[in-house]
Amino acid sequence: MQIEEIKKQIEKYKSEGKKMFTTSSFQTHSLVMLHILSRIDNTIPIYFLNTGYHFPETVAFKDQIGKEFGLNVQEVKSSMPRYMQRDSEGRLLFTSDPDHCCYINKTAPTDHLLRNHDIWINGVRADQSSVRKSFTAEQPAPHGTLRFHPMLDWTMKEIFAYIREHNLPRHPLDAKGYMSIGCEPCTRKLDPEMQEREARWYGMNKVECGLHTDLVKK
């Protein structure tokens, strides 16, 4: 979707009185959508899902980008304290049940956001995974809300061309070999033969946290 098309669609939602929000992990490749939104309407809330497990570099980068782009960045987190996020044997859930850990810290808080908004502007790209390749530009989500995927047909090459053209900053962990950056315990550096999403939950037969599997209707 071209930038002018994105602008027209967001203006259409606004004219219809739709309440919009977006979520962001504040990785380097996430910045293109944030930069575009900052130029269209920087009042749209940008929610950072604070799991309590993020790299400190990510938290600092989020603050930097919020100020630099003039964004309305807000944090949302689980109602369950981290010390309670353990299995029956006392192990932290990210070690024994990463799906449930993601549900508690990401899916459930976002589900609550959906209950209070009409449009979820989401930066997924079709080239990231087979799950995301099946998406359409507009897709129903729970609670009568709509997912809007403006970056769906963008490629990694186009993302980084935009970053170079607008001289956007890069996540500090990029230079250390990280490509897809999530929670620190479940993220590793990208090996040359790996796909972008394979650096997440490595060896766990998992490439999605639940936001794009549980919170979508097909």
N, C-alpha and C. Protein backbone atom coordinates (compact mmCIF):
# COMPACT_ATOMS: atom_id res chain seq x y z
N MET A 1 0.85 -1.18 0.00
CA MET A 1 0.00 0.00 0.00
C MET A 1 0.90 1.24 0.00
N GLN A 2 0.66 2.13 -0.95
CA GLN A 2 1.47 3.35 -1.04
C GLN A 2 1.10 4.32 0.08
N ILE A 3 2.03 5.23 0.38
CA ILE A 3 1.85 6.14 1.51
C ILE A 3 0.58 6.98 1.36
N GLU A 4 0.30 7.43 0.15
CA GLU A 4 -0.90 8.24 -0.06
C GLU A 4 -2.16 7.41 0.18
N GLU A 5 -2.11 6.13 -0.16
CA GLU A 5 -3.25 5.24 0.10
C GLU A 5 -3.44 5.05 1.60
N ILE A 6 -2.34 4.90 2.32
CA ILE A 6 -2.42 4.75 3.78
C ILE A 6 -3.06 5.99 4.39
N LYS A 7 -2.63 7.15 3.93
CA LYS A 7 -3.18 8.41 4.43
C LYS A 7 -4.68 8.50 4.17
N LYS A 8 -5.10 8.16 2.97
CA LYS A 8 -6.52 8.23 2.63
C LYS A 8 -7.35 7.28 3.48
N GLN A 9 -6.82 6.09 3.73
CA GLN A 9 -7.56 5.12 4.51
C GLN A 9 -7.71 5.57 5.96
N ILE A 10 -6.64 6.13 6.52
CA ILE A 10 -6.70 6.61 7.91
C ILE A 10 -7.65 7.81 8.01
N GLU A 11 -7.60 8.69 7.03
CA GLU A 11 -8.53 9.83 7.01
C GLU A 11 -9.97 9.35 6.89
N LYS A 12 -10.19 8.28 6.16
CA LYS A 12 -11.53 7.70 6.03
C LYS A 12 -12.00 7.19 7.40
N TYR A 13 -11.15 6.46 8.10
CA TYR A 13 -11.51 5.97 9.43
C TYR A 13 -11.84 7.13 10.36
N LYS A 14 -11.05 8.20 10.27
CA LYS A 14 -11.28 9.38 11.12
C LYS A 14 -12.62 10.02 10.80
N SER A 15 -12.95 10.13 9.51
CA SER A 15 -14.21 10.76 9.11
C SER A 15 -15.41 9.94 9.58
N GLU A 16 -15.20 8.65 9.77
CA GLU A 16 -16.26 7.76 10.25
C GLU A 16 -16.32 7.70 11.77
N GLY A 17 -15.44 8.46 12.41
CA GLY A 17 -15.43 8.49 13.87
C GLY A 17 -14.82 7.27 14.52
N LYS A 18 -13.98 6.54 13.77
CA LYS A 18 -13.37 5.33 14.30
C LYS A 18 -12.24 5.67 15.28
N LYS A 19 -12.17 4.90 16.33
CA LYS A 19 -11.11 5.07 17.33
C LYS A 19 -9.98 4.13 16.99
N MET A 20 -8.82 4.69 16.67
CA MET A 20 -7.69 3.91 16.17
C MET A 20 -6.56 3.81 17.21
N PHE A 21 -5.77 2.75 17.05
CA PHE A 21 -4.53 2.62 17.82
C PHE A 21 -3.60 1.72 17.03
N THR A 22 -2.34 1.72 17.42
CA THR A 22 -1.40 0.76 16.87
C THR A 22 -0.52 0.25 17.99
N THR A 23 0.13 -0.86 17.74
CA THR A 23 1.10 -1.42 18.68
C THR A 23 2.45 -1.46 17.98
N SER A 24 3.52 -1.40 18.75
CA SER A 24 4.85 -1.45 18.13
C SER A 24 5.85 -2.09 19.07
N SER A 25 6.74 -2.88 18.48
CA SER A 25 7.84 -3.48 19.23
C SER A 25 9.08 -2.60 19.17
N PHE A 26 9.03 -1.52 18.38
CA PHE A 26 10.12 -0.55 18.24
C PHE A 26 11.42 -1.21 17.78
N GLN A 27 11.28 -2.16 16.85
CA GLN A 27 12.44 -2.66 16.14
C GLN A 27 12.74 -1.72 14.98
N THR A 28 13.91 -1.85 14.38
CA THR A 28 14.26 -0.97 13.26
C THR A 28 13.22 -1.01 12.15
N HIS A 29 12.81 -2.22 11.76
CA HIS A 29 11.87 -2.31 10.62
C HIS A 29 10.46 -1.88 11.00
N SER A 30 10.20 -1.66 12.31
CA SER A 30 8.90 -1.16 12.74
C SER A 30 8.79 0.35 12.57
N LEU A 31 9.93 1.01 12.38
CA LEU A 31 9.95 2.47 12.39
C LEU A 31 9.31 3.09 11.16
N VAL A 32 9.29 2.36 10.05
CA VAL A 32 8.72 2.93 8.82
C VAL A 32 7.25 3.28 9.04
N MET A 33 6.47 2.34 9.56
CA MET A 33 5.06 2.63 9.80
C MET A 33 4.89 3.75 10.83
N LEU A 34 5.71 3.74 11.88
CA LEU A 34 5.61 4.79 12.89
C LEU A 34 5.93 6.16 12.29
N HIS A 35 6.93 6.20 11.43
CA HIS A 35 7.31 7.47 10.80
C HIS A 35 6.20 7.97 9.88
N ILE A 36 5.60 7.04 9.13
CA ILE A 36 4.48 7.42 8.25
C ILE A 36 3.30 7.93 9.08
N LEU A 37 2.97 7.22 10.15
CA LEU A 37 1.86 7.66 11.01
C LEU A 37 2.14 9.01 11.64
N SER A 38 3.39 9.26 12.00
CA SER A 38 3.73 10.55 12.63
C SER A 38 3.46 11.71 11.70
N ARG A 39 3.51 11.45 10.40
CA ARG A 39 3.27 12.50 9.41
C ARG A 39 1.80 12.61 9.01
N ILE A 40 1.03 11.58 9.34
CA ILE A 40 -0.40 11.59 9.02
C ILE A 40 -1.21 12.08 10.22
N ASP A 41 -0.97 11.49 11.38
CA ASP A 41 -1.69 11.86 12.60
C ASP A 41 -0.90 11.33 13.80
N ASN A 42 -0.12 12.20 14.43
CA ASN A 42 0.72 11.75 15.54
C ASN A 42 -0.03 11.68 16.87
N THR A 43 -1.35 11.85 16.83
CA THR A 43 -2.14 11.70 18.06
C THR A 43 -2.62 10.25 18.25
N ILE A 44 -2.54 9.45 17.19
CA ILE A 44 -2.95 8.05 17.30
C ILE A 44 -2.07 7.37 18.35
N PRO A 45 -2.65 6.74 19.38
CA PRO A 45 -1.82 6.12 20.41
C PRO A 45 -1.00 4.94 19.88
N ILE A 46 0.26 4.92 20.28
CA ILE A 46 1.18 3.84 19.93
C ILE A 46 1.41 3.05 21.22
N TYR A 47 0.91 1.84 21.30
CA TYR A 47 1.05 1.05 22.52
C TYR A 47 2.26 0.14 22.45
N PHE A 48 3.09 0.23 23.47
CA PHE A 48 4.25 -0.64 23.65
C PHE A 48 3.87 -1.70 24.67
N LEU A 49 3.87 -2.96 24.25
CA LEU A 49 3.51 -4.06 25.15
C LEU A 49 4.70 -4.38 26.04
N ASN A 50 4.68 -3.81 27.23
CA ASN A 50 5.81 -3.97 28.14
C ASN A 50 5.67 -5.28 28.91
N THR A 51 6.36 -6.29 28.43
CA THR A 51 6.29 -7.62 29.03
C THR A 51 7.12 -7.75 30.29
N GLY A 52 8.02 -6.80 30.50
CA GLY A 52 8.95 -6.91 31.62
C GLY A 52 10.20 -7.70 31.27
N TYR A 53 10.26 -8.19 30.02
CA TYR A 53 11.40 -9.00 29.59
C TYR A 53 12.17 -8.38 28.43
N HIS A 54 11.85 -7.15 28.07
CA HIS A 54 12.51 -6.53 26.94
C HIS A 54 13.98 -6.21 27.24
N PHE A 55 14.77 -6.18 26.17
CA PHE A 55 16.14 -5.69 26.30
C PHE A 55 16.09 -4.24 26.78
N PRO A 56 16.98 -3.83 27.66
CA PRO A 56 17.00 -2.42 28.06
C PRO A 56 17.22 -1.49 26.88
N GLU A 57 17.94 -1.97 25.87
CA GLU A 57 18.16 -1.16 24.67
C GLU A 57 16.84 -0.86 23.95
N THR A 58 15.91 -1.81 23.98
CA THR A 58 14.61 -1.60 23.34
C THR A 58 13.81 -0.53 24.07
N VAL A 59 13.81 -0.59 25.39
CA VAL A 59 13.06 0.39 26.18
C VAL A 59 13.61 1.79 25.95
N ALA A 60 14.94 1.91 25.93
CA ALA A 60 15.56 3.22 25.70
C ALA A 60 15.28 3.71 24.27
N PHE A 61 15.31 2.80 23.31
CA PHE A 61 15.06 3.15 21.91
C PHE A 61 13.62 3.61 21.73
N LYS A 62 12.70 2.95 22.42
CA LYS A 62 11.28 3.34 22.38
C LYS A 62 11.12 4.79 22.85
N ASP A 63 11.78 5.14 23.93
CA ASP A 63 11.70 6.52 24.44
C ASP A 63 12.30 7.51 23.44
N GLN A 64 13.42 7.12 22.83
CA GLN A 64 14.08 7.98 21.85
C GLN A 64 13.18 8.24 20.64
N ILE A 65 12.59 7.18 20.11
CA ILE A 65 11.75 7.31 18.91
C ILE A 65 10.48 8.10 19.22
N GLY A 66 9.90 7.87 20.39
CA GLY A 66 8.71 8.62 20.77
C GLY A 66 8.94 10.12 20.74
N LYS A 67 10.08 10.53 21.27
CA LYS A 67 10.41 11.96 21.29
C LYS A 67 10.78 12.47 19.90
N GLU A 68 11.59 11.70 19.19
CA GLU A 68 12.08 12.14 17.89
C GLU A 68 10.96 12.26 16.85
N PHE A 69 10.00 11.33 16.89
CA PHE A 69 8.90 11.34 15.93
C PHE A 69 7.69 12.11 16.45
N GLY A 70 7.71 12.53 17.70
CA GLY A 70 6.58 13.25 18.28
C GLY A 70 5.35 12.38 18.44
N LEU A 71 5.54 11.14 18.87
CA LEU A 71 4.46 10.17 18.94
C LEU A 71 3.77 10.15 20.31
N ASN A 72 2.55 9.67 20.29
CA ASN A 72 1.77 9.49 21.52
C ASN A 72 1.99 8.05 22.00
N VAL A 73 3.17 7.79 22.59
CA VAL A 73 3.54 6.44 23.02
C VAL A 73 3.01 6.17 24.42
N GLN A 74 2.36 5.03 24.55
CA GLN A 74 1.84 4.60 25.85
C GLN A 74 2.26 3.15 26.09
N GLU A 75 2.32 2.77 27.35
CA GLU A 75 2.69 1.41 27.70
C GLU A 75 1.48 0.66 28.23
N VAL A 76 1.44 -0.62 27.92
CA VAL A 76 0.40 -1.49 28.47
C VAL A 76 1.09 -2.77 28.90
N LYS A 77 0.64 -3.34 29.99
CA LYS A 77 1.27 -4.58 30.47
C LYS A 77 0.24 -5.47 31.13
N SER A 78 0.65 -6.69 31.40
CA SER A 78 -0.23 -7.68 32.00
C SER A 78 -0.66 -7.27 33.40
N SER A 79 -1.86 -7.67 33.77
CA SER A 79 -2.34 -7.43 35.13
C SER A 79 -1.74 -8.44 36.11
N MET A 80 -1.07 -9.46 35.57
CA MET A 80 -0.45 -10.48 36.42
C MET A 80 1.02 -10.14 36.66
N PRO A 81 1.43 -9.92 37.90
CA PRO A 81 2.83 -9.61 38.19
C PRO A 81 3.76 -10.72 37.69
N ARG A 82 4.97 -10.33 37.32
CA ARG A 82 5.89 -11.31 36.74
C ARG A 82 6.23 -12.45 37.70
N TYR A 83 6.29 -12.14 39.01
CA TYR A 83 6.66 -13.19 39.96
C TYR A 83 5.59 -14.30 40.03
N MET A 84 4.37 -14.00 39.56
CA MET A 84 3.31 -14.99 39.56
C MET A 84 3.26 -15.80 38.25
N GLN A 85 4.04 -15.41 37.29
CA GLN A 85 4.01 -16.06 35.98
C GLN A 85 4.91 -17.29 35.99
N ARG A 86 4.49 -18.29 36.74
CA ARG A 86 5.26 -19.52 36.92
C ARG A 86 4.36 -20.74 36.72
N ASP A 87 4.97 -21.87 36.39
CA ASP A 87 4.21 -23.10 36.25
C ASP A 87 4.10 -23.80 37.60
N SER A 88 3.53 -24.99 37.60
CA SER A 88 3.29 -25.72 38.86
C SER A 88 4.58 -26.12 39.57
N GLU A 89 5.70 -26.10 38.84
CA GLU A 89 6.98 -26.45 39.44
C GLU A 89 7.81 -25.22 39.79
N GLY A 90 7.20 -24.05 39.63
CA GLY A 90 7.87 -22.82 40.02
C GLY A 90 8.75 -22.20 38.95
N ARG A 91 8.75 -22.78 37.75
CA ARG A 91 9.58 -22.23 36.68
C ARG A 91 8.86 -21.07 36.00
N LEU A 92 9.61 -20.04 35.63
CA LEU A 92 9.03 -18.94 34.87
C LEU A 92 8.47 -19.47 33.56
N LEU A 93 7.31 -18.97 33.17
CA LEU A 93 6.58 -19.54 32.04
C LEU A 93 7.34 -19.47 30.72
N PHE A 94 8.20 -18.48 30.54
CA PHE A 94 8.89 -18.40 29.26
C PHE A 94 9.82 -19.59 29.06
N THR A 95 10.17 -20.30 30.15
CA THR A 95 11.04 -21.46 30.03
C THR A 95 10.26 -22.75 29.79
N SER A 96 9.03 -22.81 30.26
CA SER A 96 8.27 -24.07 30.18
C SER A 96 7.03 -23.99 29.31
N ASP A 97 6.43 -22.82 29.18
CA ASP A 97 5.21 -22.66 28.38
C ASP A 97 5.21 -21.28 27.74
N PRO A 98 6.07 -21.08 26.72
CA PRO A 98 6.18 -19.75 26.11
C PRO A 98 4.88 -19.25 25.50
N ASP A 99 4.02 -20.15 25.02
CA ASP A 99 2.74 -19.72 24.46
C ASP A 99 1.88 -19.04 25.53
N HIS A 100 1.86 -19.62 26.72
CA HIS A 100 1.06 -19.03 27.80
C HIS A 100 1.69 -17.74 28.28
N CYS A 101 3.01 -17.69 28.30
CA CYS A 101 3.71 -16.45 28.68
C CYS A 101 3.34 -15.33 27.70
N CYS A 102 3.35 -15.63 26.41
CA CYS A 102 2.97 -14.62 25.41
C CYS A 102 1.51 -14.21 25.56
N TYR A 103 0.66 -15.18 25.89
CA TYR A 103 -0.75 -14.85 26.07
C TYR A 103 -0.93 -13.86 27.22
N ILE A 104 -0.28 -14.13 28.34
CA ILE A 104 -0.42 -13.28 29.53
C ILE A 104 0.12 -11.88 29.27
N ASN A 105 1.28 -11.80 28.60
CA ASN A 105 1.98 -10.53 28.49
C ASN A 105 1.70 -9.74 27.22
N LYS A 106 1.17 -10.40 26.19
CA LYS A 106 0.96 -9.69 24.93
C LYS A 106 -0.47 -9.81 24.42
N THR A 107 -0.95 -11.05 24.29
CA THR A 107 -2.27 -11.25 23.68
C THR A 107 -3.39 -10.70 24.56
N ALA A 108 -3.40 -11.04 25.84
CA ALA A 108 -4.48 -10.58 26.72
C ALA A 108 -4.53 -9.06 26.85
N PRO A 109 -3.38 -8.37 27.06
CA PRO A 109 -3.44 -6.90 27.12
C PRO A 109 -3.92 -6.26 25.81
N THR A 110 -3.54 -6.86 24.67
CA THR A 110 -3.99 -6.31 23.39
C THR A 110 -5.46 -6.58 23.17
N ASP A 111 -5.94 -7.73 23.61
CA ASP A 111 -7.36 -8.04 23.52
C ASP A 111 -8.18 -6.97 24.27
N HIS A 112 -7.65 -6.53 25.40
CA HIS A 112 -8.33 -5.47 26.17
C HIS A 112 -8.35 -4.17 25.36
N LEU A 113 -7.25 -3.86 24.66
CA LEU A 113 -7.22 -2.66 23.82
C LEU A 113 -8.28 -2.73 22.72
N LEU A 114 -8.44 -3.92 22.14
CA LEU A 114 -9.43 -4.08 21.07
C LEU A 114 -10.84 -3.77 21.56
N ARG A 115 -11.11 -4.08 22.81
CA ARG A 115 -12.45 -3.83 23.36
C ARG A 115 -12.76 -2.33 23.42
N ASN A 116 -11.72 -1.50 23.39
CA ASN A 116 -11.90 -0.06 23.55
C ASN A 116 -11.56 0.75 22.31
N HIS A 117 -11.34 0.04 21.19
CA HIS A 117 -11.00 0.72 19.93
C HIS A 117 -11.76 0.06 18.78
N ASP A 118 -11.75 0.75 17.64
CA ASP A 118 -12.40 0.24 16.45
C ASP A 118 -11.42 -0.32 15.42
N ILE A 119 -10.25 0.32 15.32
CA ILE A 119 -9.27 -0.03 14.29
C ILE A 119 -7.90 -0.27 14.93
N TRP A 120 -7.32 -1.43 14.62
CA TRP A 120 -5.96 -1.73 15.05
C TRP A 120 -5.05 -1.62 13.83
N ILE A 121 -4.27 -0.55 13.76
CA ILE A 121 -3.31 -0.38 12.67
C ILE A 121 -2.10 -1.25 13.00
N ASN A 122 -1.84 -2.22 12.14
CA ASN A 122 -0.84 -3.23 12.46
C ASN A 122 0.19 -3.34 11.34
N GLY A 123 1.46 -3.37 11.70
CA GLY A 123 2.53 -3.30 10.71
C GLY A 123 3.05 -4.62 10.18
N VAL A 124 2.26 -5.69 10.24
CA VAL A 124 2.73 -6.98 9.72
C VAL A 124 2.99 -6.90 8.22
N ARG A 125 3.96 -7.72 7.78
CA ARG A 125 4.27 -7.82 6.35
C ARG A 125 4.10 -9.26 5.90
N ALA A 126 3.65 -9.44 4.68
CA ALA A 126 3.40 -10.78 4.15
C ALA A 126 4.68 -11.60 4.02
N ASP A 127 5.83 -10.91 3.85
CA ASP A 127 7.09 -11.64 3.65
C ASP A 127 7.72 -12.11 4.96
N GLN A 128 7.06 -11.88 6.09
CA GLN A 128 7.64 -12.25 7.38
C GLN A 128 7.37 -13.69 7.77
N SER A 129 6.22 -14.23 7.39
CA SER A 129 5.88 -15.61 7.77
C SER A 129 4.69 -16.08 6.95
N SER A 130 4.46 -17.40 6.94
CA SER A 130 3.33 -17.96 6.21
C SER A 130 2.01 -17.51 6.82
N VAL A 131 1.98 -17.31 8.14
CA VAL A 131 0.77 -16.82 8.81
C VAL A 131 0.41 -15.45 8.29
N ARG A 132 1.38 -14.56 8.22
CA ARG A 132 1.13 -13.18 7.80
C ARG A 132 0.87 -13.07 6.30
N LYS A 133 1.41 -14.01 5.54
CA LYS A 133 1.18 -14.02 4.10
C LYS A 133 -0.29 -14.25 3.77
N SER A 134 -1.02 -14.88 4.68
CA SER A 134 -2.43 -15.19 4.44
C SER A 134 -3.36 -14.01 4.75
N PHE A 135 -2.81 -12.93 5.29
CA PHE A 135 -3.63 -11.79 5.70
C PHE A 135 -4.06 -10.95 4.50
N THR A 136 -5.09 -10.13 4.73
CA THR A 136 -5.54 -9.13 3.76
C THR A 136 -5.34 -7.75 4.38
N ALA A 137 -5.47 -6.71 3.57
CA ALA A 137 -5.20 -5.35 4.05
C ALA A 137 -6.12 -4.96 5.20
N GLU A 138 -7.37 -5.38 5.12
CA GLU A 138 -8.32 -5.17 6.22
C GLU A 138 -8.85 -6.54 6.63
N GLN A 139 -8.84 -6.80 7.92
CA GLN A 139 -9.25 -8.10 8.39
C GLN A 139 -9.98 -7.99 9.73
N PRO A 140 -11.11 -8.68 9.88
CA PRO A 140 -11.84 -8.61 11.15
C PRO A 140 -11.02 -9.15 12.32
N ALA A 141 -11.22 -8.54 13.46
CA ALA A 141 -10.58 -8.96 14.70
C ALA A 141 -11.66 -9.15 15.76
N PRO A 142 -11.32 -9.69 16.92
CA PRO A 142 -12.33 -9.88 17.97
C PRO A 142 -13.01 -8.59 18.40
N HIS A 143 -14.18 -8.72 18.99
CA HIS A 143 -14.95 -7.62 19.59
C HIS A 143 -15.43 -6.60 18.56
N GLY A 144 -15.62 -7.06 17.33
CA GLY A 144 -16.15 -6.19 16.29
C GLY A 144 -15.16 -5.16 15.77
N THR A 145 -13.88 -5.34 16.07
CA THR A 145 -12.86 -4.40 15.61
C THR A 145 -12.30 -4.86 14.26
N LEU A 146 -11.48 -3.99 13.67
CA LEU A 146 -10.90 -4.26 12.37
C LEU A 146 -9.40 -4.07 12.43
N ARG A 147 -8.67 -5.04 11.89
CA ARG A 147 -7.23 -4.90 11.73
C ARG A 147 -6.95 -4.24 10.39
N PHE A 148 -6.09 -3.22 10.38
CA PHE A 148 -5.67 -2.57 9.15
C PHE A 148 -4.18 -2.81 8.99
N HIS A 149 -3.79 -3.44 7.87
CA HIS A 149 -2.40 -3.84 7.62
C HIS A 149 -1.79 -3.01 6.49
N PRO A 150 -1.39 -1.78 6.73
CA PRO A 150 -0.91 -0.91 5.64
C PRO A 150 0.43 -1.32 5.06
N MET A 151 1.23 -2.10 5.81
CA MET A 151 2.56 -2.47 5.33
C MET A 151 2.58 -3.89 4.75
N LEU A 152 1.43 -4.50 4.58
CA LEU A 152 1.36 -5.92 4.22
C LEU A 152 2.14 -6.26 2.96
N ASP A 153 2.08 -5.40 1.94
CA ASP A 153 2.74 -5.72 0.68
C ASP A 153 4.13 -5.10 0.55
N TRP A 154 4.63 -4.51 1.63
CA TRP A 154 5.99 -3.98 1.61
C TRP A 154 6.98 -5.12 1.80
N THR A 155 8.13 -5.03 1.14
CA THR A 155 9.18 -6.02 1.29
C THR A 155 10.27 -5.47 2.22
N MET A 156 11.12 -6.37 2.69
CA MET A 156 12.24 -5.93 3.53
C MET A 156 13.11 -4.92 2.78
N LYS A 157 13.29 -5.14 1.47
CA LYS A 157 14.09 -4.22 0.67
C LYS A 157 13.47 -2.82 0.67
N GLU A 158 12.14 -2.74 0.53
CA GLU A 158 11.46 -1.44 0.52
C GLU A 158 11.52 -0.79 1.89
N ILE A 159 11.42 -1.60 2.94
CA ILE A 159 11.51 -1.07 4.31
C ILE A 159 12.84 -0.37 4.51
N PHE A 160 13.93 -1.04 4.15
CA PHE A 160 15.25 -0.45 4.39
C PHE A 160 15.59 0.66 3.41
N ALA A 161 14.97 0.66 2.23
CA ALA A 161 15.13 1.80 1.32
C ALA A 161 14.50 3.05 1.93
N TYR A 162 13.33 2.88 2.56
CA TYR A 162 12.66 4.01 3.23
C TYR A 162 13.51 4.50 4.40
N ILE A 163 14.05 3.56 5.16
CA ILE A 163 14.88 3.93 6.31
C ILE A 163 16.08 4.75 5.86
N ARG A 164 16.73 4.33 4.77
CA ARG A 164 17.88 5.08 4.25
C ARG A 164 17.45 6.45 3.72
N GLU A 165 16.34 6.48 2.97
CA GLU A 165 15.88 7.74 2.38
C GLU A 165 15.59 8.79 3.44
N HIS A 166 14.99 8.36 4.56
CA HIS A 166 14.61 9.31 5.60
C HIS A 166 15.58 9.34 6.77
N ASN A 167 16.68 8.62 6.60
CA ASN A 167 17.75 8.61 7.61
C ASN A 167 17.21 8.30 9.01
N LEU A 168 16.39 7.25 9.09
CA LEU A 168 15.81 6.87 10.36
C LEU A 168 16.83 6.17 11.23
N PRO A 169 16.74 6.33 12.54
CA PRO A 169 17.69 5.65 13.43
C PRO A 169 17.48 4.15 13.43
N ARG A 170 18.45 3.43 13.94
CA ARG A 170 18.36 1.97 13.99
C ARG A 170 18.45 1.49 15.43
N HIS A 171 17.73 0.41 15.69
CA HIS A 171 17.79 -0.20 17.01
C HIS A 171 19.25 -0.54 17.33
N PRO A 172 19.73 -0.20 18.51
CA PRO A 172 21.15 -0.42 18.83
C PRO A 172 21.60 -1.87 18.75
N LEU A 173 20.68 -2.84 18.85
CA LEU A 173 21.08 -4.24 18.78
C LEU A 173 21.26 -4.74 17.35
N ASP A 174 20.85 -3.94 16.35
CA ASP A 174 21.06 -4.31 14.95
C ASP A 174 22.54 -4.59 14.69
N ALA A 175 23.37 -3.69 15.18
CA ALA A 175 24.81 -3.79 14.93
C ALA A 175 25.44 -5.00 15.61
N LYS A 176 24.71 -5.59 16.55
CA LYS A 176 25.24 -6.76 17.26
C LYS A 176 24.72 -8.08 16.69
N GLY A 177 24.00 -7.99 15.56
CA GLY A 177 23.58 -9.21 14.88
C GLY A 177 22.15 -9.64 15.14
N TYR A 178 21.36 -8.78 15.78
CA TYR A 178 19.96 -9.12 16.03
C TYR A 178 19.11 -8.55 14.90
N MET A 179 18.14 -9.34 14.43
CA MET A 179 17.30 -8.90 13.32
C MET A 179 15.85 -8.75 13.75
N SER A 180 15.31 -9.77 14.40
CA SER A 180 13.94 -9.72 14.93
C SER A 180 14.06 -9.72 16.44
N ILE A 181 13.70 -8.61 17.05
CA ILE A 181 13.99 -8.42 18.48
C ILE A 181 12.71 -8.40 19.29
N GLY A 182 12.60 -9.34 20.22
CA GLY A 182 11.46 -9.40 21.12
C GLY A 182 11.93 -9.39 22.55
N CYS A 183 11.38 -10.27 23.37
CA CYS A 183 11.80 -10.38 24.77
C CYS A 183 13.21 -10.98 24.83
N GLU A 184 14.00 -10.50 25.75
CA GLU A 184 15.40 -10.91 25.83
C GLU A 184 15.58 -12.43 25.99
N PRO A 185 14.82 -13.12 26.87
CA PRO A 185 15.06 -14.56 27.03
C PRO A 185 14.73 -15.39 25.79
N CYS A 186 13.90 -14.85 24.90
CA CYS A 186 13.41 -15.62 23.75
C CYS A 186 13.92 -15.08 22.42
N THR A 187 15.01 -14.31 22.44
CA THR A 187 15.56 -13.73 21.22
C THR A 187 17.04 -14.07 21.12
N ARG A 188 17.46 -14.46 19.94
CA ARG A 188 18.89 -14.73 19.72
C ARG A 188 19.34 -14.01 18.45
N LYS A 189 20.65 -13.95 18.28
CA LYS A 189 21.19 -13.35 17.07
C LYS A 189 20.84 -14.20 15.86
N LEU A 190 20.74 -13.55 14.72
CA LEU A 190 20.36 -14.23 13.49
C LEU A 190 21.57 -14.87 12.83
N ASP A 191 21.49 -16.18 12.59
CA ASP A 191 22.54 -16.86 11.82
C ASP A 191 22.31 -16.61 10.33
N PRO A 192 23.37 -16.68 9.51
CA PRO A 192 23.23 -16.36 8.08
C PRO A 192 22.16 -17.17 7.35
N GLU A 193 21.96 -18.43 7.75
CA GLU A 193 21.00 -19.29 7.04
C GLU A 193 19.58 -19.17 7.57
N MET A 194 19.37 -18.36 8.60
CA MET A 194 18.06 -18.27 9.23
C MET A 194 17.19 -17.21 8.58
N GLN A 195 15.86 -17.45 8.59
CA GLN A 195 14.90 -16.44 8.18
C GLN A 195 14.69 -15.45 9.34
N GLU A 196 14.13 -14.29 9.00
CA GLU A 196 13.98 -13.21 9.98
C GLU A 196 13.34 -13.66 11.29
N ARG A 197 12.23 -14.37 11.23
CA ARG A 197 11.48 -14.72 12.43
C ARG A 197 12.06 -15.91 13.19
N GLU A 198 13.01 -16.62 12.59
CA GLU A 198 13.56 -17.81 13.23
C GLU A 198 14.46 -17.50 14.41
N ALA A 199 14.83 -16.24 14.56
CA ALA A 199 15.65 -15.85 15.71
C ALA A 199 14.83 -15.70 16.98
N ARG A 200 13.53 -15.81 16.86
CA ARG A 200 12.63 -15.71 18.02
C ARG A 200 12.22 -17.10 18.47
N TRP A 201 12.20 -17.35 19.76
CA TRP A 201 11.80 -18.64 20.34
C TRP A 201 12.56 -19.79 19.66
N TYR A 202 13.85 -19.59 19.47
CA TYR A 202 14.66 -20.56 18.72
C TYR A 202 14.56 -21.94 19.37
N GLY A 203 14.31 -22.96 18.54
CA GLY A 203 14.23 -24.33 19.00
C GLY A 203 12.93 -24.69 19.70
N MET A 204 11.96 -23.79 19.70
CA MET A 204 10.70 -24.03 20.42
C MET A 204 9.53 -24.32 19.47
N ASN A 205 9.79 -24.46 18.16
CA ASN A 205 8.73 -24.68 17.18
C ASN A 205 7.65 -23.61 17.30
N LYS A 206 8.08 -22.36 17.36
CA LYS A 206 7.18 -21.22 17.58
C LYS A 206 7.74 -20.02 16.85
N VAL A 207 6.90 -19.34 16.05
CA VAL A 207 7.35 -18.13 15.35
C VAL A 207 6.38 -16.96 15.54
N GLU A 208 5.26 -17.20 16.25
CA GLU A 208 4.29 -16.15 16.50
C GLU A 208 3.94 -16.11 17.99
N CYS A 209 3.66 -14.90 18.49
CA CYS A 209 3.37 -14.75 19.91
C CYS A 209 1.88 -14.94 20.23
N GLY A 210 1.03 -14.88 19.22
CA GLY A 210 -0.41 -15.00 19.44
C GLY A 210 -1.18 -13.79 18.96
N LEU A 211 -0.52 -12.64 18.84
CA LEU A 211 -1.19 -11.43 18.38
C LEU A 211 -1.77 -11.62 16.97
N HIS A 212 -1.07 -12.40 16.15
CA HIS A 212 -1.47 -12.55 14.76
C HIS A 212 -2.04 -13.93 14.45
N THR A 213 -2.34 -14.67 15.51
CA THR A 213 -3.03 -15.96 15.36
C THR A 213 -4.33 -15.96 16.16
N ASP A 214 -4.27 -15.48 17.40
CA ASP A 214 -5.45 -15.47 18.27
C ASP A 214 -6.34 -14.25 18.03
N LEU A 215 -5.73 -13.13 17.67
CA LEU A 215 -6.49 -11.87 17.55
C LEU A 215 -6.77 -11.50 16.10
N VAL A 216 -7.22 -12.48 15.34
CA VAL A 216 -7.56 -12.26 13.95
C VAL A 216 -8.65 -13.25 13.56
N LYS A 217 -9.56 -12.79 12.71
CA LYS A 217 -10.60 -13.67 12.17
C LYS A 217 -10.39 -13.82 10.69
N LYS A 218 -10.38 -15.08 10.23
CA LYS A 218 -10.11 -15.33 8.81
C LYS A 218 -11.37 -15.78 8.09
